[in-house]
Amino acid sequence: MFAPLIVLIRKYFGQKKLNQVRGQLIALHIQTMTRFCDRFGIERTTRQHLIRMARDNGKRLGLLA
């Protein structure tokens, strides 16, 4: 779904910059998920499952193209 957009961004910025931005966005997303889980008392194992699910969904949507 998003793969063509990611490919265009990679061509424009280059692989190195894309990886930097992608890493920053992933870290921000994980921090947000962790804060959410901490706020609502969700267990660590459930949080880890949510992080894995987000990664797998990103692959399916083409965000990790």
Protein backbone atom coordinates (compact mmCIF):
# COMPACT_ATOMS: atom_id res chain seq x y z
CA MET A 1 0.00 0.00 0.00
CA PHE A 2 2.70 2.52 1.01
CA ALA A 3 5.59 0.80 -0.78
CA PRO A 4 5.56 3.09 -3.85
CA LEU A 5 5.72 6.14 -1.59
CA ILE A 6 8.61 4.69 0.40
CA VAL A 7 10.48 3.89 -2.84
CA LEU A 8 10.05 7.48 -4.04
CA ILE A 9 11.22 8.86 -0.70
CA ARG A 10 14.24 6.54 -0.80
CA LYS A 11 15.14 7.82 -4.28
CA TYR A 12 14.80 11.45 -3.17
CA PHE A 13 16.59 11.28 0.21
CA GLY A 14 18.77 8.22 -0.26
CA GLN A 15 18.87 4.99 1.70
CA LYS A 16 20.98 6.35 4.57
CA LYS A 17 18.67 9.29 5.33
CA LEU A 18 15.57 7.11 4.92
CA ASN A 19 16.95 4.62 7.45
CA GLN A 20 17.70 7.43 9.91
CA VAL A 21 14.22 8.89 9.67
CA ARG A 22 12.60 5.46 9.76
CA GLY A 23 14.58 4.58 12.90
CA GLN A 24 13.53 7.81 14.58
CA LEU A 25 9.87 7.23 13.72
CA ILE A 26 9.98 3.64 14.95
CA ALA A 27 11.58 4.76 18.23
CA LEU A 28 8.94 7.46 18.67
CA HIS A 29 6.17 4.96 17.99
CA ILE A 30 7.58 2.48 20.52
CA GLN A 31 7.90 5.25 23.14
CA THR A 32 4.28 6.21 22.56
CA MET A 33 3.16 2.61 22.91
CA THR A 34 5.20 2.21 26.09
CA ARG A 35 3.71 5.36 27.64
CA PHE A 36 0.22 4.19 26.72
CA CYS A 37 0.82 0.77 28.29
CA ASP A 38 2.35 2.31 31.43
CA ARG A 39 -0.56 4.71 31.82
CA PHE A 40 -3.17 1.97 31.58
CA GLY A 41 -1.23 -0.69 33.47
CA ILE A 42 -0.77 -3.03 30.52
CA GLU A 43 1.78 -5.75 31.19
CA ARG A 44 5.22 -5.82 29.60
CA THR A 45 4.52 -8.98 27.62
CA THR A 46 1.39 -7.45 26.13
CA ARG A 47 3.35 -4.33 25.21
CA GLN A 48 5.96 -6.48 23.47
CA HIS A 49 3.19 -8.22 21.57
CA LEU A 50 1.79 -4.85 20.46
CA ILE A 51 5.24 -3.75 19.27
CA ARG A 52 5.65 -6.96 17.25
CA MET A 53 2.17 -6.53 15.80
CA ALA A 54 3.00 -2.95 14.75
CA ARG A 55 6.18 -4.20 13.05
CA ASP A 56 4.30 -6.93 11.22
CA ASN A 57 1.57 -4.51 10.13
CA GLY A 58 4.24 -2.11 8.85
CA LYS A 59 5.68 -4.89 6.73
CA ARG A 60 2.27 -5.80 5.33
CA LEU A 61 1.44 -2.18 4.52
CA GLY A 62 4.75 -1.68 2.76
CA LEU A 63 6.16 0.82 5.23
CA LEU A 64 9.33 -1.25 5.49
CA ALA A 65 9.81 -1.51 1.72
